[in-house]
Amino acid sequence: EYGASDLQRICAKIAGDEGRHEKAYQAFCTEILKRDPDGLLMEFGDLMRGQIVMPAELMTDGMDPHLYENFSNVAQRLGVYTALDYADIIDHLVKHWGIEHLTGLSSEGEKEQEYICRLPNRYRKLAERSMNKKKDEEVVTQPFGWIFDRKA
């Protein structure tokens, strides 16, 4: 009623862009796997060992220095995007690229293959442990300027 159609249009555009990015990256990596499976596994493993910066980490409202942390906590609490979703994405990529079935790898490539294939279950266990801890915590709502300081 109040901007819902605009928000729907914006969300649809973002979702479309995200879908195109996913398809492009999957295609790029599929081709790289054909040409240099060891190289892709080494890079993928290195990426997963590092810290992946989410673009939203850079968002600001000019007031809350912990905006991303607060937003992320609310999103996880509401189930919008959780660490379990992240584990599912990694699992999807491992299966999509058939990483567990790659053969002819160097010893370093085999180590990375094993590491990458274990990640989804590792992330799921960590996420479940974290979610179980948070069940006992008191829910703290946060105001957000873009929804007129309503608390979420």
Protein backbone atom coordinates (compact mmCIF):
# COMPACT_ATOMS: atom_id res chain seq x y z
CA GLU A 1 0.00 0.00 0.00
CA TYR A 2 2.75 2.48 0.99
CA GLY A 3 5.62 1.78 -1.38
CA ALA A 4 5.09 -1.98 -1.46
CA SER A 5 4.96 -2.03 -5.28
CA ASP A 6 8.20 -0.02 -5.46
CA LEU A 7 9.88 -2.35 -2.98
CA GLN A 8 8.63 -5.35 -4.92
CA ARG A 9 10.08 -3.95 -8.15
CA ILE A 10 13.44 -3.20 -6.49
CA CYS A 11 13.64 -6.66 -4.90
CA ALA A 12 12.78 -8.33 -8.21
CA LYS A 13 15.56 -6.42 -9.97
CA ILE A 14 18.09 -7.35 -7.29
CA ALA A 15 17.01 -11.01 -7.37
CA GLY A 16 17.37 -11.06 -11.16
CA ASP A 17 20.87 -9.58 -10.93
CA GLU A 18 21.85 -12.11 -8.27
CA GLY A 19 20.53 -14.97 -10.43
CA ARG A 20 22.57 -13.76 -13.41
CA HIS A 21 25.70 -13.48 -11.26
CA GLU A 22 25.20 -17.02 -9.98
CA LYS A 23 24.84 -18.42 -13.51
CA ALA A 24 27.89 -16.51 -14.75
CA TYR A 25 30.15 -17.60 -11.88
CA GLN A 26 29.00 -21.19 -12.19
CA ALA A 27 29.75 -21.14 -15.93
CA PHE A 28 33.17 -19.54 -15.40
CA CYS A 29 34.15 -22.09 -12.78
CA THR A 30 32.82 -25.00 -14.83
CA GLU A 31 35.09 -23.96 -17.68
CA ILE A 32 38.08 -23.42 -15.36
CA LEU A 33 37.52 -26.89 -13.87
CA LYS A 34 37.82 -28.38 -17.37
CA ARG A 35 41.11 -26.56 -17.97
CA ASP A 36 42.73 -26.43 -14.53
CA PRO A 37 40.93 -28.36 -11.79
CA ASP A 38 43.87 -28.14 -9.37
CA GLY A 39 44.06 -24.38 -9.84
CA LEU A 40 40.35 -23.88 -9.24
CA LEU A 41 40.38 -26.04 -6.12
CA MET A 42 43.39 -24.17 -4.75
CA GLU A 43 41.67 -20.81 -5.32
CA PHE A 44 38.30 -21.99 -4.01
CA GLY A 45 39.94 -23.42 -0.88
CA ASP A 46 41.92 -20.21 -0.37
CA LEU A 47 38.75 -18.14 -0.81
CA MET A 48 36.90 -20.24 1.77
CA ARG A 49 39.77 -19.94 4.28
CA GLY A 50 39.73 -16.16 3.95
CA GLN A 51 37.05 -13.81 5.06
CA ILE A 52 34.38 -13.18 2.46
CA VAL A 53 33.20 -9.60 2.69
CA MET A 54 29.51 -9.17 2.08
CA PRO A 55 28.69 -5.98 0.13
CA ALA A 56 26.15 -5.04 2.80
CA GLU A 57 29.00 -4.74 5.31
CA LEU A 58 29.70 -1.37 3.73
CA MET A 59 26.18 0.01 4.18
CA THR A 60 25.75 3.02 6.38
CA ASP A 61 22.98 5.22 7.62
CA GLY A 62 25.36 7.81 9.02
CA MET A 63 24.18 7.09 12.55
CA ASP A 64 24.67 3.48 13.62
CA PRO A 65 28.33 2.35 13.51
CA HIS A 66 27.13 -1.26 13.97
CA LEU A 67 24.46 -1.15 11.27
CA TYR A 68 25.59 -4.24 9.36
CA GLU A 69 26.01 -6.31 12.53
CA ASN A 70 22.55 -5.29 13.73
CA PHE A 71 21.00 -5.91 10.31
CA SER A 72 22.71 -9.30 10.04
CA ASN A 73 21.50 -10.35 13.50
CA VAL A 74 17.92 -9.42 12.63
CA ALA A 75 18.13 -11.20 9.26
CA GLN A 76 19.44 -14.36 10.91
CA ARG A 77 16.90 -14.22 13.73
CA LEU A 78 14.04 -13.86 11.21
CA GLY A 79 15.47 -16.61 8.98
CA VAL A 80 15.91 -14.29 5.98
CA TYR A 81 19.52 -15.38 5.45
CA THR A 82 21.33 -17.60 7.90
CA ALA A 83 24.59 -19.49 8.20
CA LEU A 84 22.59 -22.59 7.22
CA ASP A 85 21.77 -20.89 3.91
CA TYR A 86 25.49 -20.26 3.43
CA ALA A 87 26.23 -23.95 4.06
CA ASP A 88 23.53 -24.87 1.53
CA ILE A 89 25.12 -22.60 -1.09
CA ILE A 90 28.53 -24.22 -0.60
CA ASP A 91 26.91 -27.67 -0.77
CA HIS A 92 25.12 -26.70 -3.99
CA LEU A 93 28.38 -25.54 -5.60
CA VAL A 94 30.28 -28.66 -4.53
CA LYS A 95 27.56 -30.82 -6.11
CA HIS A 96 27.06 -28.60 -9.17
CA TRP A 97 30.74 -28.81 -10.07
CA GLY A 98 31.06 -32.46 -9.01
CA ILE A 99 34.04 -31.57 -6.84
CA GLU A 100 33.81 -34.80 -4.86
CA HIS A 101 34.14 -36.80 -8.11
CA LEU A 102 37.17 -35.03 -9.60
CA THR A 103 40.08 -37.35 -10.40
CA GLY A 104 43.64 -36.93 -11.62
CA LEU A 105 44.37 -34.17 -9.12
CA SER A 106 47.76 -33.36 -7.63
CA SER A 107 48.26 -34.15 -3.95
CA GLU A 108 47.63 -30.47 -3.14
CA GLY A 109 44.46 -30.56 -5.24
CA GLU A 110 43.27 -33.67 -3.42
CA LYS A 111 43.80 -31.95 -0.07
CA GLU A 112 41.76 -28.96 -1.23
CA GLN A 113 39.08 -31.27 -2.63
CA GLU A 114 38.75 -32.96 0.75
CA TYR A 115 38.68 -29.61 2.57
CA ILE A 116 36.04 -28.13 0.25
CA CYS A 117 33.82 -31.21 0.34
CA ARG A 118 33.78 -31.12 4.15
CA LEU A 119 32.83 -27.44 4.37
CA PRO A 120 29.03 -27.71 4.05
CA ASN A 121 28.70 -30.09 7.00
CA ARG A 122 31.25 -28.13 9.01
CA TYR A 123 29.33 -24.88 8.43
CA ARG A 124 26.03 -26.58 9.26
CA LYS A 125 27.39 -27.83 12.60
CA LEU A 126 28.80 -24.39 13.45
CA ALA A 127 25.53 -22.72 12.45
CA GLU A 128 23.42 -25.11 14.49
CA ARG A 129 25.67 -24.63 17.51
CA SER A 130 25.42 -20.85 17.17
CA MET A 131 21.65 -20.96 16.69
CA ASN A 132 21.24 -23.17 19.77
CA LYS A 133 23.24 -20.68 21.85
CA LYS A 134 21.12 -17.79 20.60
CA LYS A 135 17.88 -19.57 21.54
CA ASP A 136 18.64 -18.82 25.18
CA GLU A 137 19.56 -15.18 24.56
CA GLU A 138 17.09 -12.39 25.04
CA VAL A 139 15.88 -10.96 21.72
CA VAL A 140 17.08 -7.40 21.29
CA THR A 141 15.20 -5.47 18.65
CA GLN A 142 16.96 -2.81 16.60
CA PRO A 143 15.57 0.35 15.02
CA PHE A 144 16.42 0.94 11.35
CA GLY A 145 16.20 4.35 9.72
CA TRP A 146 14.95 3.02 6.39
CA ILE A 147 11.78 1.75 8.08
CA PHE A 148 11.27 5.01 9.96
CA ASP A 149 13.13 3.79 13.06
CA ARG A 150 10.71 0.95 13.64
CA LYS A 151 12.30 -1.87 15.56
CA ALA A 152 12.86 -5.28 14.01
